[in-house]
Amino acid sequence: MCGIYLTNIPFEKGTIIEKLKKINYRGPDNLGYEKLNDIALAHLRLSILDLDVRSNQPFSYKHFSIVFNGEIYNFKEIRSALIELGYSFATTSDTEVLLKGYDAWHEDVLQRLNGMFAFSIYDTEKKIIFSARDRIGVKPFYYYWKDGVLEICSQLRPLINTKSRISNEAISIYLDCGYVPSPYSILEDVYKLPPGNSMVIDLNANTLHIKPYWDLSPIKIKDISYEDAKSELHELLTDAVRI
């Protein structure tokens, strides 16, 4: 499951640790913390791929550091493509593949990913935070953003403080829909990154920009036989299970 956290609020390390202990069940195997410039990154790890401590997060490569929740199903194929480009790997984790994929292809890495994920990558040179959420929103991603103050987390609870206020707009939407859809949350100034979207925060310009990187493709009707349709469906299901 795992849990991600990132903020530019000048909390003490102990305060951030206490925040994440509230959702420790997301990743009981390790609680990692790192402070880079004015950005604090933290991660709760549920070890699934590469159980070694070398794959603990935050995970860094060059001037990039990542906190990542999820699983990249096709990470072996992406890893092979990166090796052909000259990259080498110190772990067998999909975290390292994702981070080095971002180094190689930047935002276009999202088009190569098959999986469920929510992550943030901090570029210490450009002072940019790049985040993304998987195509249908399997993994949660909450963020607080107001007047340049930023806080990101996998769950809402660590973002609640004495100044938090219930959003009247969210209550209205809940009463209408029966739930609170993205990008809203039940709290004022706290949002959910919509599924299939990426978010870029430029700390120099103090700007936040969200854009979709994926949407459902238009339906195309194929002129094929019933037997061919069965065969194609079988291949698709077999591939999905294999991945």
Protein backbone atom coordinates (compact mmCIF):
# COMPACT_ATOMS: atom_id res chain seq x y z
CA MET A 1 0.00 0.00 0.00
CA CYS A 2 2.61 2.59 1.18
CA GLY A 3 2.08 6.24 2.06
CA ILE A 4 3.68 9.38 0.61
CA TYR A 5 4.22 12.78 2.20
CA LEU A 6 5.83 16.03 1.02
CA THR A 7 5.68 19.59 2.32
CA ASN A 8 7.37 22.97 2.31
CA ILE A 9 5.88 23.84 5.72
CA PRO A 10 8.80 24.15 8.19
CA PHE A 11 7.68 21.34 10.50
CA GLU A 12 10.18 19.68 12.80
CA LYS A 13 11.04 16.12 11.81
CA GLY A 14 9.27 14.81 14.89
CA THR A 15 6.04 16.54 13.87
CA ILE A 16 6.09 14.87 10.46
CA ILE A 17 6.85 11.50 12.02
CA GLU A 18 3.85 11.89 14.32
CA LYS A 19 1.66 12.85 11.35
CA LEU A 20 2.61 9.67 9.50
CA LYS A 21 2.19 7.47 12.55
CA LYS A 22 -1.53 8.24 12.21
CA ILE A 23 -1.54 6.22 8.99
CA ASN A 24 1.27 3.79 9.85
CA TYR A 25 -0.83 0.85 8.63
CA ARG A 26 -0.15 2.00 5.06
CA GLY A 27 3.51 1.05 5.41
CA PRO A 28 4.66 -0.63 8.61
CA ASP A 29 7.98 -1.87 7.20
CA ASN A 30 9.81 1.48 7.15
CA LEU A 31 9.25 5.16 7.81
CA GLY A 32 11.71 7.23 5.79
CA TYR A 33 12.38 10.96 6.03
CA GLU A 34 14.61 13.41 4.20
CA LYS A 35 14.90 17.20 4.15
CA LEU A 36 16.14 18.75 0.90
CA ASN A 37 16.38 22.52 0.78
CA ASP A 38 13.02 23.67 2.15
CA ILE A 39 11.21 20.49 1.14
CA ALA A 40 10.59 17.58 3.52
CA LEU A 41 9.81 14.19 2.01
CA ALA A 42 8.61 11.18 3.97
CA HIS A 43 7.42 7.69 3.12
CA LEU A 44 5.71 4.73 4.76
CA ARG A 45 6.81 1.52 3.09
CA LEU A 46 4.98 -1.74 2.66
CA SER A 47 7.74 -3.87 1.15
CA ILE A 48 6.61 -5.85 -1.89
CA LEU A 49 9.31 -5.58 -4.57
CA ASP A 50 13.00 -5.75 -3.54
CA LEU A 51 12.57 -6.15 0.22
CA ASP A 52 16.09 -4.83 0.87
CA VAL A 53 16.55 -1.51 2.68
CA ARG A 54 18.28 -0.22 -0.46
CA SER A 55 14.81 0.37 -1.91
CA ASN A 56 13.52 2.38 1.04
CA GLN A 57 12.15 5.83 0.26
CA PRO A 58 12.59 8.73 -0.20
CA PHE A 59 14.71 7.37 -3.05
CA SER A 60 17.17 9.62 -4.86
CA TYR A 61 19.00 9.68 -8.18
CA LYS A 62 21.07 12.64 -9.37
CA HIS A 63 19.06 15.73 -8.33
CA PHE A 64 15.74 13.89 -8.17
CA SER A 65 14.06 12.44 -5.08
CA ILE A 66 10.83 10.44 -5.11
CA VAL A 67 8.11 9.28 -2.76
CA PHE A 68 5.97 6.67 -4.50
CA ASN A 69 2.95 4.56 -3.63
CA GLY A 70 1.83 1.77 -5.93
CA GLU A 71 3.17 -0.72 -8.38
CA ILE A 72 4.36 -0.38 -11.97
CA TYR A 73 3.28 -3.66 -13.57
CA ASN A 74 5.49 -3.31 -16.64
CA PHE A 75 8.58 -2.04 -14.82
CA LYS A 76 10.76 -4.84 -16.22
CA GLU A 77 10.05 -3.75 -19.79
CA ILE A 78 10.73 -0.11 -18.89
CA ARG A 79 13.92 -1.15 -17.10
CA SER A 80 15.12 -2.97 -20.24
CA ALA A 81 14.46 0.14 -22.34
CA LEU A 82 16.44 2.25 -19.87
CA ILE A 83 19.35 -0.19 -19.89
CA GLU A 84 19.48 0.18 -23.67
CA LEU A 85 19.81 3.94 -23.09
CA GLY A 86 22.81 3.34 -20.81
CA TYR A 87 21.20 3.33 -17.37
CA SER A 88 22.30 0.87 -14.69
CA PHE A 89 20.39 -0.22 -11.60
CA ALA A 90 21.35 -0.79 -7.97
CA THR A 91 18.01 -2.35 -6.97
CA THR A 92 15.33 -4.60 -8.41
CA SER A 93 12.52 -2.21 -7.45
CA ASP A 94 10.02 -0.39 -9.65
CA THR A 95 10.77 2.77 -7.65
CA GLU A 96 14.24 3.09 -9.17
CA VAL A 97 12.82 2.35 -12.63
CA LEU A 98 10.18 5.07 -12.23
CA LEU A 99 12.67 7.67 -11.07
CA LYS A 100 15.22 6.95 -13.79
CA GLY A 101 12.40 6.82 -16.31
CA TYR A 102 11.53 10.37 -15.31
CA ASP A 103 15.18 11.36 -15.73
CA ALA A 104 15.15 9.88 -19.25
CA TRP A 105 11.74 10.94 -20.53
CA HIS A 106 10.48 13.54 -18.05
CA GLU A 107 6.66 13.83 -18.09
CA ASP A 108 6.44 11.44 -21.05
CA VAL A 109 7.32 8.58 -18.69
CA LEU A 110 3.61 8.55 -17.77
CA GLN A 111 2.72 7.27 -21.24
CA ARG A 112 4.90 4.22 -20.62
CA LEU A 113 3.49 3.26 -17.23
CA ASN A 114 1.07 0.41 -16.74
CA GLY A 115 0.10 0.27 -13.11
CA MET A 116 -1.47 1.91 -10.09
CA PHE A 117 0.45 4.80 -8.60
CA ALA A 118 0.60 8.12 -6.82
CA PHE A 119 3.98 9.81 -6.58
CA SER A 120 5.86 13.08 -6.21
CA ILE A 121 9.35 13.79 -7.58
CA TYR A 122 11.31 16.76 -6.28
CA ASP A 123 13.89 18.29 -8.63
CA THR A 124 16.36 20.07 -6.35
CA GLU A 125 18.02 21.91 -9.26
CA LYS A 126 14.95 23.35 -10.98
CA LYS A 127 12.96 23.59 -7.72
CA ILE A 128 10.04 21.77 -9.32
CA ILE A 129 7.78 19.11 -7.85
CA PHE A 130 6.25 16.74 -10.40
CA SER A 131 3.37 14.54 -9.23
CA ALA A 132 0.96 12.14 -10.90
CA ARG A 133 -1.89 9.77 -10.13
CA ASP A 134 -2.78 6.60 -12.03
CA ARG A 135 -5.34 6.55 -14.78
CA ILE A 136 -8.41 5.55 -12.78
CA GLY A 137 -7.35 6.74 -9.35
CA VAL A 138 -6.64 3.44 -7.59
CA LYS A 139 -4.04 5.17 -5.41
CA PRO A 140 -5.06 8.22 -3.35
CA PHE A 141 -3.40 11.63 -3.59
CA TYR A 142 -4.41 14.60 -1.39
CA TYR A 143 -2.78 18.00 -1.37
CA TYR A 144 -3.10 21.32 0.42
CA TRP A 145 -2.18 24.40 -1.59
CA LYS A 146 -2.70 28.00 -0.52
CA ASP A 147 -0.50 31.06 -1.00
CA GLY A 148 2.46 28.89 -1.92
CA VAL A 149 2.12 26.64 1.11
CA LEU A 150 2.13 22.98 0.11
CA GLU A 151 1.40 19.68 1.82
CA ILE A 152 0.89 16.35 0.04
CA CYS A 153 -0.20 13.04 1.55
CA SER A 154 -1.79 9.71 0.67
CA GLN A 155 -4.56 10.31 3.17
CA LEU A 156 -6.49 13.22 4.57
CA ARG A 157 -5.91 12.66 8.28
CA PRO A 158 -2.27 13.91 8.48
CA LEU A 159 -3.34 17.12 6.70
CA ILE A 160 -5.93 18.04 9.34
CA ASN A 161 -4.92 20.75 11.81
CA THR A 162 -6.52 23.29 14.14
CA LYS A 163 -7.16 25.66 11.22
CA SER A 164 -8.89 23.06 9.04
CA ARG A 165 -12.44 23.86 8.04
CA ILE A 166 -15.15 21.73 6.49
CA SER A 167 -15.91 22.83 2.92
CA ASN A 168 -19.53 23.91 2.47
CA GLU A 169 -19.14 23.30 -1.26
CA ALA A 170 -18.01 19.72 -0.60
CA ILE A 171 -20.99 19.15 1.71
CA SER A 172 -23.33 20.35 -1.03
CA ILE A 173 -21.68 18.03 -3.57
CA TYR A 174 -21.85 15.12 -1.12
CA LEU A 175 -25.55 15.63 -0.51
CA ASP A 176 -26.11 15.71 -4.27
CA CYS A 177 -23.81 12.84 -5.32
CA GLY A 178 -23.43 10.70 -2.20
CA TYR A 179 -19.65 11.13 -2.23
CA VAL A 180 -17.05 13.88 -2.72
CA PRO A 181 -15.50 13.52 -6.22
CA SER A 182 -12.10 14.77 -7.34
CA PRO A 183 -10.76 17.41 -7.25
CA TYR A 184 -12.67 18.26 -4.07
CA SER A 185 -12.18 16.96 -0.56
CA ILE A 186 -14.26 17.51 2.54
CA LEU A 187 -11.79 20.19 3.74
CA GLU A 188 -11.29 23.71 2.47
CA ASP A 189 -8.09 24.21 0.44
CA VAL A 190 -7.39 20.46 0.41
CA TYR A 191 -7.89 18.73 -2.92
CA LYS A 192 -7.58 15.35 -4.59
CA LEU A 193 -5.42 15.14 -7.69
CA PRO A 194 -7.87 13.79 -10.30
CA PRO A 195 -7.13 10.35 -11.78
CA GLY A 196 -5.15 10.44 -15.01
CA ASN A 197 -3.69 13.84 -14.18
CA SER A 198 -0.24 15.19 -13.43
CA MET A 199 0.66 18.22 -11.34
CA VAL A 200 3.67 20.52 -11.61
CA ILE A 201 4.53 22.91 -8.80
CA ASP A 202 7.16 25.52 -9.63
CA LEU A 203 8.57 26.68 -6.31
CA ASN A 204 10.42 29.59 -7.94
CA ALA A 205 7.32 30.99 -9.65
CA ASN A 206 5.00 29.87 -6.84
CA THR A 207 2.63 28.25 -9.34
CA LEU A 208 0.66 25.01 -9.51
CA HIS A 209 -0.49 23.53 -12.81
CA ILE A 210 -2.59 20.40 -13.31
CA LYS A 211 -3.23 18.73 -16.65
CA PRO A 212 -4.60 15.38 -17.88
CA TYR A 213 -2.18 12.91 -19.42
CA TRP A 214 -4.79 10.23 -20.17
CA ASP A 215 -8.47 9.80 -20.94
CA LEU A 216 -10.64 7.01 -22.31
CA SER A 217 -10.14 6.53 -26.04
CA PRO A 218 -13.17 6.83 -28.34
CA ILE A 219 -14.88 3.50 -28.91
CA LYS A 220 -13.97 1.89 -32.20
CA ILE A 221 -16.19 -0.85 -33.59
CA LYS A 222 -14.16 -3.62 -35.21
CA ASP A 223 -15.49 -5.53 -38.18
CA ILE A 224 -14.27 -8.96 -37.07
CA SER A 225 -15.86 -12.36 -36.59
CA TYR A 226 -17.16 -13.68 -33.29
CA GLU A 227 -14.32 -16.24 -33.15
CA ASP A 228 -11.70 -13.53 -33.75
CA ALA A 229 -13.30 -11.39 -31.05
CA LYS A 230 -13.10 -14.30 -28.59
CA SER A 231 -9.46 -14.87 -29.45
CA GLU A 232 -8.54 -11.20 -29.04
CA LEU A 233 -10.37 -10.97 -25.71
CA HIS A 234 -8.54 -14.09 -24.49
CA GLU A 235 -5.18 -12.54 -25.43
CA LEU A 236 -6.04 -9.30 -23.64
CA LEU A 237 -7.10 -11.10 -20.46
CA THR A 238 -4.04 -13.36 -20.52
CA ASP A 239 -1.75 -10.35 -20.91
CA ALA A 240 -3.49 -8.48 -18.09
CA VAL A 241 -3.08 -11.45 -15.71
CA ARG A 242 0.54 -11.94 -16.78
CA ILE A 243 1.37 -8.32 -16.03
